Amino acid sequence: MIKFFYLFIIVILFSGCNSCNEPTTRKQIYYFDLQAYFGEQAVLLKNKSIVKTVAKNKVAEKQNLIISNWEQEFSLFTESDINKAAWKDSYTKDSTANKIKYTAKEVDLRVRSIEINLQNLKPSKITIVNQGDNYLYHTTDTLTYIPDSLYQIKKHQKVILLGLNNYVITGLIK
C-alpha cells in the first residue's frame, strides 16, 4: 500500500512538470514589416511635440500638439502593411543599395506601392500609395514618413454627388 502511495505521488509530481508545447503562431514576413517599424517609431516618438497642419481643399488649420498615442497617429501607415499570407506573391520587389520598392501586381489591391529609401541600411523615407475604387468613389492616398522629421498624408477623393476633395495632413516633428 505504501509503495502504491509513493508511486501515486511520483506520477502526480511528474505530470505537473509536463510543459504545454502548443505551437506558437508567428507572423510570416514576406516584405518590409511596416507594423513593426512604425511600432518602434511610436515608442521612440512617445510624447514628442509636433506642428500639425490639416488642410481640406487648401483651407488649412495649424496646431502645436503633443502626441501621446503615436500608434493611432501612424494607423494609416500600419494598415498599409502587405505581410499577409494571401499576398505573399502579389507584389514585385525592386531594390538597390539605397531603395526598396514594392509594386502591386494586381489592380484590385489597395496598397499600390511602397517605396523605402535607405541610408546606412535604415529607412530615411517611406512613401506608400494606396488606392480604392468602386462605383461611388475613387480615392488615392499618398503617405510619406521621414524619421524624426515629418509625416504627411495626402488624400485625393472623388465621390459621386459630393465631388472632388483634397486633404493634406502634415506633422512636423520637433
N, C-alpha and C. Protein backbone atom coordinates (compact mmCIF):
# COMPACT_ATOMS: atom_id res chain seq x y z
N MET A 1 0.82 -1.19 0.00
CA MET A 1 0.00 0.00 0.00
C MET A 1 0.86 1.26 0.00
N ILE A 2 1.94 1.26 0.79
CA ILE A 2 2.83 2.42 0.85
C ILE A 2 3.53 2.61 -0.50
N LYS A 3 3.92 1.49 -1.15
CA LYS A 3 4.55 1.59 -2.47
C LYS A 3 3.58 2.22 -3.47
N PHE A 4 2.31 1.84 -3.39
CA PHE A 4 1.31 2.41 -4.28
C PHE A 4 1.17 3.91 -4.02
N PHE A 5 1.18 4.32 -2.76
CA PHE A 5 1.08 5.72 -2.39
C PHE A 5 2.26 6.52 -2.95
N TYR A 6 3.50 6.00 -2.79
CA TYR A 6 4.69 6.67 -3.32
C TYR A 6 4.65 6.75 -4.85
N LEU A 7 4.21 5.69 -5.47
CA LEU A 7 4.10 5.68 -6.93
C LEU A 7 3.07 6.72 -7.39
N PHE A 8 1.97 6.83 -6.68
CA PHE A 8 0.94 7.81 -6.99
C PHE A 8 1.50 9.24 -6.86
N ILE A 9 2.25 9.50 -5.80
CA ILE A 9 2.85 10.82 -5.59
C ILE A 9 3.84 11.15 -6.71
N ILE A 10 4.67 10.18 -7.09
CA ILE A 10 5.66 10.40 -8.15
C ILE A 10 4.96 10.71 -9.47
N VAL A 11 3.90 9.99 -9.78
CA VAL A 11 3.15 10.24 -11.02
C VAL A 11 2.55 11.64 -11.01
N ILE A 12 2.00 12.04 -9.90
CA ILE A 12 1.41 13.38 -9.77
C ILE A 12 2.49 14.45 -9.96
N LEU A 13 3.64 14.27 -9.33
CA LEU A 13 4.71 15.26 -9.45
C LEU A 13 5.20 15.38 -10.89
N PHE A 14 5.42 14.27 -11.55
CA PHE A 14 5.92 14.33 -12.92
C PHE A 14 4.87 14.84 -13.90
N SER A 15 3.64 14.54 -13.65
CA SER A 15 2.60 15.05 -14.55
C SER A 15 2.45 16.56 -14.41
N GLY A 16 2.75 17.10 -13.26
CA GLY A 16 2.71 18.54 -13.06
C GLY A 16 3.85 19.25 -13.75
N CYS A 17 4.91 18.53 -14.04
CA CYS A 17 6.07 19.13 -14.71
C CYS A 17 5.94 19.11 -16.22
N ASN A 18 4.93 18.50 -16.73
CA ASN A 18 4.74 18.42 -18.17
C ASN A 18 4.44 19.81 -18.71
N SER A 19 5.24 20.26 -19.64
CA SER A 19 5.03 21.60 -20.21
C SER A 19 4.10 21.50 -21.41
N CYS A 20 3.38 22.52 -21.61
CA CYS A 20 2.44 22.59 -22.72
C CYS A 20 3.21 23.06 -23.96
N ASN A 21 3.29 22.23 -24.96
CA ASN A 21 4.03 22.55 -26.17
C ASN A 21 3.10 22.92 -27.31
N GLU A 22 2.32 23.98 -27.11
CA GLU A 22 1.44 24.45 -28.16
C GLU A 22 2.27 25.20 -29.18
N PRO A 23 1.98 25.01 -30.44
CA PRO A 23 2.74 25.74 -31.45
C PRO A 23 2.42 27.23 -31.38
N THR A 24 3.45 28.04 -31.47
CA THR A 24 3.24 29.48 -31.45
C THR A 24 3.04 29.95 -32.88
N THR A 25 2.03 30.78 -33.06
CA THR A 25 1.78 31.31 -34.39
C THR A 25 2.55 32.61 -34.51
N ARG A 26 3.42 32.65 -35.47
CA ARG A 26 4.26 33.81 -35.68
C ARG A 26 3.97 34.36 -37.07
N LYS A 27 3.85 35.65 -37.15
CA LYS A 27 3.54 36.30 -38.42
C LYS A 27 4.70 36.12 -39.38
N GLN A 28 4.40 35.63 -40.58
CA GLN A 28 5.42 35.50 -41.62
C GLN A 28 5.69 36.88 -42.20
N ILE A 29 6.96 37.16 -42.44
CA ILE A 29 7.35 38.44 -43.02
C ILE A 29 7.85 38.17 -44.45
N TYR A 30 7.10 38.65 -45.42
CA TYR A 30 7.47 38.48 -46.81
C TYR A 30 8.10 39.75 -47.37
N TYR A 31 7.67 40.89 -46.83
CA TYR A 31 8.11 42.19 -47.32
C TYR A 31 8.57 43.00 -46.11
N PHE A 32 8.93 44.25 -46.33
CA PHE A 32 9.32 45.13 -45.23
C PHE A 32 8.17 45.19 -44.22
N ASP A 33 8.47 45.05 -42.95
CA ASP A 33 7.45 44.97 -41.91
C ASP A 33 7.07 46.37 -41.41
N LEU A 34 6.05 46.95 -42.04
CA LEU A 34 5.59 48.29 -41.67
C LEU A 34 5.06 48.34 -40.24
N GLN A 35 4.32 47.31 -39.82
CA GLN A 35 3.75 47.31 -38.47
C GLN A 35 4.85 47.36 -37.42
N ALA A 36 5.86 46.55 -37.56
CA ALA A 36 6.95 46.55 -36.58
C ALA A 36 7.72 47.86 -36.64
N TYR A 37 7.99 48.37 -37.83
CA TYR A 37 8.75 49.61 -37.97
C TYR A 37 8.02 50.78 -37.31
N PHE A 38 6.74 50.94 -37.63
CA PHE A 38 6.00 52.06 -37.05
C PHE A 38 5.70 51.84 -35.57
N GLY A 39 5.67 50.60 -35.12
CA GLY A 39 5.58 50.33 -33.68
C GLY A 39 6.82 50.82 -32.97
N GLU A 40 8.00 50.58 -33.56
CA GLU A 40 9.25 51.08 -32.98
C GLU A 40 9.29 52.60 -33.00
N GLN A 41 8.86 53.20 -34.10
CA GLN A 41 8.85 54.66 -34.21
C GLN A 41 7.90 55.27 -33.18
N ALA A 42 6.77 54.62 -32.95
CA ALA A 42 5.82 55.12 -31.95
C ALA A 42 6.45 55.17 -30.57
N VAL A 43 7.24 54.17 -30.24
CA VAL A 43 7.92 54.15 -28.94
C VAL A 43 8.97 55.27 -28.88
N LEU A 44 9.73 55.44 -29.95
CA LEU A 44 10.77 56.47 -29.97
C LEU A 44 10.20 57.89 -29.90
N LEU A 45 9.02 58.09 -30.47
CA LEU A 45 8.44 59.43 -30.54
C LEU A 45 7.48 59.74 -29.39
N LYS A 46 7.31 58.80 -28.48
CA LYS A 46 6.35 58.97 -27.38
C LYS A 46 6.49 60.35 -26.73
N ASN A 47 5.37 61.05 -26.65
CA ASN A 47 5.26 62.37 -26.03
C ASN A 47 6.08 63.47 -26.71
N LYS A 48 6.45 63.26 -27.96
CA LYS A 48 7.11 64.32 -28.72
C LYS A 48 6.06 65.30 -29.21
N SER A 49 6.47 66.54 -29.36
CA SER A 49 5.54 67.54 -29.86
C SER A 49 5.71 67.70 -31.37
N ILE A 50 4.61 68.09 -32.00
CA ILE A 50 4.61 68.30 -33.44
C ILE A 50 3.85 69.57 -33.78
N VAL A 51 4.11 70.07 -34.96
CA VAL A 51 3.27 71.11 -35.54
C VAL A 51 2.44 70.39 -36.59
N LYS A 52 1.15 70.30 -36.33
CA LYS A 52 0.26 69.53 -37.21
C LYS A 52 -0.61 70.49 -38.01
N THR A 53 -0.59 70.29 -39.32
CA THR A 53 -1.40 71.09 -40.23
C THR A 53 -2.39 70.17 -40.93
N VAL A 54 -3.65 70.56 -40.88
CA VAL A 54 -4.70 69.81 -41.55
C VAL A 54 -5.34 70.74 -42.56
N ALA A 55 -5.38 70.31 -43.82
CA ALA A 55 -5.94 71.14 -44.88
C ALA A 55 -6.97 70.34 -45.67
N LYS A 56 -8.07 71.01 -46.00
CA LYS A 56 -9.07 70.44 -46.90
C LYS A 56 -9.29 71.45 -48.01
N ASN A 57 -9.00 71.01 -49.23
CA ASN A 57 -9.14 71.88 -50.41
C ASN A 57 -8.43 73.22 -50.20
N LYS A 58 -7.22 73.16 -49.70
CA LYS A 58 -6.31 74.30 -49.50
C LYS A 58 -6.71 75.24 -48.36
N VAL A 59 -7.73 74.89 -47.57
CA VAL A 59 -8.07 75.65 -46.37
C VAL A 59 -7.43 74.89 -45.21
N ALA A 60 -6.46 75.56 -44.55
CA ALA A 60 -5.63 74.85 -43.57
C ALA A 60 -5.81 75.39 -42.15
N GLU A 61 -5.54 74.50 -41.21
CA GLU A 61 -5.51 74.85 -39.80
C GLU A 61 -4.26 74.22 -39.20
N LYS A 62 -3.55 74.99 -38.37
CA LYS A 62 -2.28 74.53 -37.81
C LYS A 62 -2.36 74.56 -36.30
N GLN A 63 -1.77 73.52 -35.66
CA GLN A 63 -1.75 73.44 -34.19
C GLN A 63 -0.43 72.84 -33.73
N ASN A 64 0.01 73.28 -32.54
CA ASN A 64 1.12 72.63 -31.85
C ASN A 64 0.52 71.59 -30.91
N LEU A 65 0.97 70.35 -31.03
CA LEU A 65 0.39 69.26 -30.24
C LEU A 65 1.48 68.37 -29.67
N ILE A 66 1.15 67.71 -28.56
CA ILE A 66 1.98 66.63 -28.05
C ILE A 66 1.19 65.35 -28.28
N ILE A 67 1.79 64.45 -29.02
CA ILE A 67 1.11 63.20 -29.38
C ILE A 67 1.46 62.14 -28.34
N SER A 68 0.44 61.64 -27.66
CA SER A 68 0.68 60.59 -26.68
C SER A 68 0.40 59.20 -27.26
N ASN A 69 -0.37 59.15 -28.35
CA ASN A 69 -0.71 57.86 -28.95
C ASN A 69 -0.25 57.83 -30.41
N TRP A 70 1.03 57.56 -30.59
CA TRP A 70 1.61 57.51 -31.94
C TRP A 70 1.10 56.31 -32.72
N GLU A 71 0.71 55.25 -32.03
CA GLU A 71 0.16 54.09 -32.74
C GLU A 71 -1.07 54.51 -33.53
N GLN A 72 -1.92 55.31 -32.92
CA GLN A 72 -3.11 55.80 -33.61
C GLN A 72 -2.72 56.78 -34.70
N GLU A 73 -1.75 57.63 -34.43
CA GLU A 73 -1.30 58.62 -35.41
C GLU A 73 -0.74 57.93 -36.67
N PHE A 74 -0.09 56.79 -36.49
CA PHE A 74 0.51 56.04 -37.59
C PHE A 74 -0.42 54.96 -38.14
N SER A 75 -1.68 54.94 -37.75
CA SER A 75 -2.56 53.84 -38.12
C SER A 75 -2.70 53.66 -39.64
N LEU A 76 -2.76 54.74 -40.40
CA LEU A 76 -2.86 54.57 -41.85
C LEU A 76 -1.61 53.94 -42.44
N PHE A 77 -0.46 54.20 -41.82
CA PHE A 77 0.79 53.59 -42.27
C PHE A 77 0.79 52.09 -41.95
N THR A 78 0.43 51.74 -40.72
CA THR A 78 0.47 50.33 -40.33
C THR A 78 -0.62 49.52 -41.03
N GLU A 79 -1.75 50.14 -41.35
CA GLU A 79 -2.81 49.46 -42.09
C GLU A 79 -2.39 49.15 -43.53
N SER A 80 -1.31 49.75 -43.97
CA SER A 80 -0.81 49.52 -45.33
C SER A 80 0.19 48.37 -45.38
N ASP A 81 0.33 47.65 -44.29
CA ASP A 81 1.25 46.52 -44.25
C ASP A 81 0.77 45.44 -45.24
N ILE A 82 1.70 44.91 -46.02
CA ILE A 82 1.35 43.93 -47.05
C ILE A 82 1.82 42.52 -46.69
N ASN A 83 2.19 42.30 -45.45
CA ASN A 83 2.66 40.99 -44.99
C ASN A 83 1.50 40.09 -44.58
N LYS A 84 0.72 39.68 -45.55
CA LYS A 84 -0.34 38.71 -45.32
C LYS A 84 -0.05 37.52 -46.21
N ALA A 85 -0.31 36.34 -45.70
CA ALA A 85 0.00 35.12 -46.44
C ALA A 85 -0.66 35.12 -47.83
N ALA A 86 -1.87 35.64 -47.91
CA ALA A 86 -2.57 35.66 -49.20
C ALA A 86 -1.89 36.57 -50.22
N TRP A 87 -1.06 37.51 -49.75
CA TRP A 87 -0.42 38.48 -50.64
C TRP A 87 1.06 38.20 -50.87
N LYS A 88 1.56 37.04 -50.44
CA LYS A 88 3.00 36.81 -50.50
C LYS A 88 3.57 36.85 -51.91
N ASP A 89 2.75 36.59 -52.92
CA ASP A 89 3.22 36.67 -54.31
C ASP A 89 2.53 37.78 -55.09
N SER A 90 1.93 38.74 -54.39
CA SER A 90 1.14 39.78 -55.04
C SER A 90 1.89 41.06 -55.33
N TYR A 91 3.14 41.14 -54.90
CA TYR A 91 3.93 42.36 -55.09
C TYR A 91 5.28 42.01 -55.70
N THR A 92 5.73 42.88 -56.59
CA THR A 92 7.08 42.72 -57.11
C THR A 92 8.02 43.58 -56.28
N LYS A 93 9.22 43.09 -56.11
CA LYS A 93 10.22 43.82 -55.32
C LYS A 93 11.34 44.27 -56.26
N ASP A 94 11.63 45.55 -56.22
CA ASP A 94 12.73 46.11 -56.98
C ASP A 94 13.62 46.82 -55.97
N SER A 95 14.86 46.39 -55.86
CA SER A 95 15.71 47.01 -54.83
C SER A 95 17.10 47.30 -55.35
N THR A 96 17.65 48.35 -54.78
CA THR A 96 19.04 48.72 -54.99
C THR A 96 19.64 48.89 -53.61
N ALA A 97 20.87 49.36 -53.55
CA ALA A 97 21.52 49.57 -52.25
C ALA A 97 20.83 50.67 -51.45
N ASN A 98 20.17 51.61 -52.13
CA ASN A 98 19.57 52.75 -51.44
C ASN A 98 18.05 52.80 -51.49
N LYS A 99 17.42 51.78 -52.10
CA LYS A 99 15.97 51.86 -52.23
C LYS A 99 15.37 50.46 -52.37
N ILE A 100 14.20 50.29 -51.76
CA ILE A 100 13.39 49.08 -51.93
C ILE A 100 12.01 49.57 -52.37
N LYS A 101 11.50 48.96 -53.45
CA LYS A 101 10.16 49.33 -53.90
C LYS A 101 9.34 48.08 -54.14
N TYR A 102 8.14 48.07 -53.56
CA TYR A 102 7.18 47.00 -53.77
C TYR A 102 6.03 47.58 -54.59
N THR A 103 5.66 46.88 -55.65
CA THR A 103 4.58 47.34 -56.53
C THR A 103 3.56 46.22 -56.67
N ALA A 104 2.30 46.57 -56.56
CA ALA A 104 1.22 45.58 -56.66
C ALA A 104 1.15 45.01 -58.07
N LYS A 105 0.99 43.70 -58.15
CA LYS A 105 0.84 43.02 -59.44
C LYS A 105 -0.62 43.04 -59.90
N GLU A 106 -1.53 43.13 -58.95
CA GLU A 106 -2.96 43.06 -59.24
C GLU A 106 -3.61 44.42 -59.01
N VAL A 107 -4.51 44.81 -59.91
CA VAL A 107 -5.13 46.14 -59.84
C VAL A 107 -6.10 46.31 -58.69
N ASP A 108 -6.60 45.22 -58.12
CA ASP A 108 -7.60 45.33 -57.06
C ASP A 108 -6.98 45.44 -55.66
N LEU A 109 -5.66 45.41 -55.54
CA LEU A 109 -5.02 45.57 -54.24
C LEU A 109 -5.01 47.04 -53.84
N ARG A 110 -5.42 47.32 -52.62
CA ARG A 110 -5.50 48.70 -52.13
C ARG A 110 -4.12 49.34 -52.04
N VAL A 111 -3.14 48.62 -51.51
CA VAL A 111 -1.78 49.17 -51.41
C VAL A 111 -1.14 49.00 -52.78
N ARG A 112 -0.95 50.10 -53.48
CA ARG A 112 -0.41 50.06 -54.85
C ARG A 112 1.11 49.98 -54.85
N SER A 113 1.75 50.74 -53.95
CA SER A 113 3.22 50.68 -53.90
C SER A 113 3.72 51.15 -52.54
N ILE A 114 4.90 50.62 -52.21
CA ILE A 114 5.62 51.05 -51.01
C ILE A 114 7.06 51.27 -51.46
N GLU A 115 7.57 52.46 -51.22
CA GLU A 115 8.95 52.77 -51.57
C GLU A 115 9.69 53.19 -50.31
N ILE A 116 10.81 52.53 -50.07
CA ILE A 116 11.61 52.80 -48.87
C ILE A 116 12.99 53.24 -49.30
N ASN A 117 13.31 54.49 -49.05
CA ASN A 117 14.66 54.98 -49.31
C ASN A 117 15.52 54.65 -48.10
N LEU A 118 16.72 54.19 -48.34
CA LEU A 118 17.62 53.76 -47.27
C LEU A 118 18.85 54.65 -47.19
N GLN A 119 19.31 54.82 -45.96
CA GLN A 119 20.57 55.50 -45.71
C GLN A 119 21.25 54.73 -44.57
N ASN A 120 22.43 54.21 -44.82
CA ASN A 120 23.13 53.35 -43.86
C ASN A 120 22.26 52.15 -43.45
N LEU A 121 21.57 51.59 -44.42
CA LEU A 121 20.70 50.41 -44.26
C LEU A 121 19.47 50.66 -43.39
N LYS A 122 19.18 51.90 -43.08
CA LYS A 122 17.99 52.25 -42.30
C LYS A 122 17.07 53.12 -43.16
N PRO A 123 15.75 52.99 -42.97
CA PRO A 123 14.83 53.81 -43.76
C PRO A 123 15.05 55.30 -43.51
N SER A 124 15.23 56.06 -44.58
CA SER A 124 15.34 57.51 -44.47
C SER A 124 14.07 58.20 -44.97
N LYS A 125 13.27 57.45 -45.74
CA LYS A 125 11.98 57.97 -46.21
C LYS A 125 11.14 56.79 -46.66
N ILE A 126 9.88 56.80 -46.26
CA ILE A 126 8.93 55.76 -46.69
C ILE A 126 7.76 56.46 -47.36
N THR A 127 7.43 55.99 -48.57
CA THR A 127 6.30 56.53 -49.31
C THR A 127 5.38 55.37 -49.68
N ILE A 128 4.12 55.50 -49.34
CA ILE A 128 3.12 54.46 -49.60
C ILE A 128 2.00 55.08 -50.42
N VAL A 129 1.58 54.38 -51.47
CA VAL A 129 0.45 54.84 -52.27
C VAL A 129 -0.65 53.79 -52.16
N ASN A 130 -1.81 54.23 -51.68
CA ASN A 130 -2.99 53.38 -51.57
C ASN A 130 -4.06 53.91 -52.52
N GLN A 131 -4.88 52.99 -53.03
CA GLN A 131 -5.92 53.40 -53.95
C GLN A 131 -7.16 52.57 -53.73
N GLY A 132 -8.30 53.21 -53.81
CA GLY A 132 -9.57 52.50 -53.67
C GLY A 132 -10.55 52.98 -54.72
N ASP A 133 -11.26 52.05 -55.30
CA ASP A 133 -12.24 52.37 -56.34
C ASP A 133 -13.49 51.53 -56.15
N ASN A 134 -14.61 52.16 -56.37
CA ASN A 134 -15.86 51.44 -56.58
C ASN A 134 -16.77 52.37 -57.36
N TYR A 135 -18.01 52.01 -57.54
CA TYR A 135 -18.88 52.83 -58.38
C TYR A 135 -19.30 54.15 -57.71
N LEU A 136 -19.05 54.30 -56.40
CA LEU A 136 -19.41 55.55 -55.71
C LEU A 136 -18.24 56.52 -55.53
N TYR A 137 -17.02 56.00 -55.47
CA TYR A 137 -15.91 56.89 -55.21
C TYR A 137 -14.59 56.35 -55.78
N HIS A 138 -13.64 57.26 -55.88
CA HIS A 138 -12.25 56.93 -56.22
C HIS A 138 -11.39 57.71 -55.23
N THR A 139 -10.45 57.03 -54.61
CA THR A 139 -9.59 57.69 -53.64
C THR A 139 -8.15 57.24 -53.83
N THR A 140 -7.24 58.18 -53.69
CA THR A 140 -5.81 57.88 -53.74
C THR A 140 -5.18 58.53 -52.51
N ASP A 141 -4.46 57.73 -51.74
CA ASP A 141 -3.75 58.23 -50.56
C ASP A 141 -2.25 58.10 -50.81
N THR A 142 -1.52 59.15 -50.50
CA THR A 142 -0.06 59.09 -50.54
C THR A 142 0.44 59.40 -49.14
N LEU A 143 1.09 58.41 -48.54
CA LEU A 143 1.59 58.53 -47.17
C LEU A 143 3.10 58.65 -47.23
N THR A 144 3.64 59.63 -46.55
CA THR A 144 5.09 59.85 -46.53
C THR A 144 5.55 59.97 -45.10
N TYR A 145 6.66 59.31 -44.81
CA TYR A 145 7.25 59.40 -43.47
C TYR A 145 8.76 59.57 -43.61
N ILE A 146 9.27 60.59 -42.95
CA ILE A 146 10.71 60.82 -42.84
C ILE A 146 11.03 60.76 -41.35
N PRO A 147 11.80 59.74 -40.93
CA PRO A 147 12.04 59.54 -39.48
C PRO A 147 12.55 60.79 -38.78
N ASP A 148 11.99 61.02 -37.59
CA ASP A 148 12.37 62.14 -36.72
C ASP A 148 12.18 63.51 -37.36
N SER A 149 11.41 63.60 -38.42
CA SER A 149 11.27 64.86 -39.12
C SER A 149 9.83 65.18 -39.49
N LEU A 150 9.17 64.28 -40.25
CA LEU A 150 7.89 64.64 -40.84
C LEU A 150 7.08 63.40 -41.21
N TYR A 151 5.78 63.52 -41.11
CA TYR A 151 4.89 62.56 -41.76
C TYR A 151 3.81 63.36 -42.46
N GLN A 152 3.36 62.81 -43.59
CA GLN A 152 2.36 63.52 -44.38
C GLN A 152 1.39 62.52 -45.00
N ILE A 153 0.12 62.89 -44.98
CA ILE A 153 -0.93 62.08 -45.58
C ILE A 153 -1.67 62.97 -46.57
N LYS A 154 -1.59 62.60 -47.84
CA LYS A 154 -2.33 63.33 -48.87
C LYS A 154 -3.43 62.41 -49.38
N LYS A 155 -4.64 62.93 -49.39
CA LYS A 155 -5.79 62.13 -49.82
C LYS A 155 -6.52 62.90 -50.91
N HIS A 156 -6.63 62.26 -52.06
CA HIS A 156 -7.36 62.81 -53.20
C HIS A 156 -8.61 61.94 -53.34
N GLN A 157 -9.78 62.56 -53.18
CA GLN A 157 -11.01 61.78 -53.12
C GLN A 157 -12.07 62.37 -54.05
N LYS A 158 -12.62 61.52 -54.89
CA LYS A 158 -13.71 61.93 -55.76
C LYS A 158 -14.91 61.05 -55.45
N VAL A 159 -15.95 61.67 -54.93
CA VAL A 159 -17.16 60.95 -54.52
C VAL A 159 -18.34 61.45 -55.36
N ILE A 160 -19.10 60.51 -55.90
CA ILE A 160 -20.28 60.89 -56.67
C ILE A 160 -21.22 61.67 -55.76
N LEU A 161 -21.77 62.73 -56.24
CA LEU A 161 -22.67 63.66 -55.57
C LEU A 161 -21.95 64.64 -54.62
N LEU A 162 -20.77 64.29 -54.12
CA LEU A 162 -20.03 65.20 -53.25
C LEU A 162 -18.89 65.90 -53.96
N GLY A 163 -18.46 65.36 -55.07
CA GLY A 163 -17.42 66.00 -55.86
C GLY A 163 -16.01 65.64 -55.41
N LEU A 164 -15.08 66.51 -55.76
CA LEU A 164 -13.67 66.29 -55.53
C LEU A 164 -13.21 66.98 -54.24
N ASN A 165 -12.46 66.26 -53.41
CA ASN A 165 -11.88 66.81 -52.20
C ASN A 165 -10.43 66.38 -52.09
N ASN A 166 -9.60 67.32 -51.65
CA ASN A 166 -8.20 67.03 -51.40
C ASN A 166 -7.90 67.35 -49.94
N TYR A 167 -7.28 66.39 -49.26
CA TYR A 167 -6.92 66.56 -47.86
C TYR A 167 -5.40 66.39 -47.73
N VAL A 168 -4.80 67.19 -46.88
CA VAL A 168 -3.38 67.04 -46.58
C VAL A 168 -3.21 67.21 -45.08
N ILE A 169 -2.61 66.21 -44.46
CA ILE A 169 -2.28 66.25 -43.03
C ILE A 169 -0.76 66.16 -42.95
N THR A 170 -0.15 67.14 -42.33
CA THR A 170 1.30 67.17 -42.20
C THR A 170 1.66 67.33 -40.74
N GLY A 171 2.56 66.51 -40.27
CA GLY A 171 3.07 66.61 -38.91
C GLY A 171 4.56 66.84 -38.94
N LEU A 172 4.99 68.02 -38.53
CA LEU A 172 6.42 68.32 -38.41
C LEU A 172 6.85 67.97 -37.00
N ILE A 173 7.74 67.01 -36.88
CA ILE A 173 8.17 66.52 -35.57
C ILE A 173 9.26 67.43 -35.03
N LYS A 174 9.04 67.91 -33.81
CA LYS A 174 10.03 68.81 -33.18
C LYS A 174 11.08 68.02 -32.45
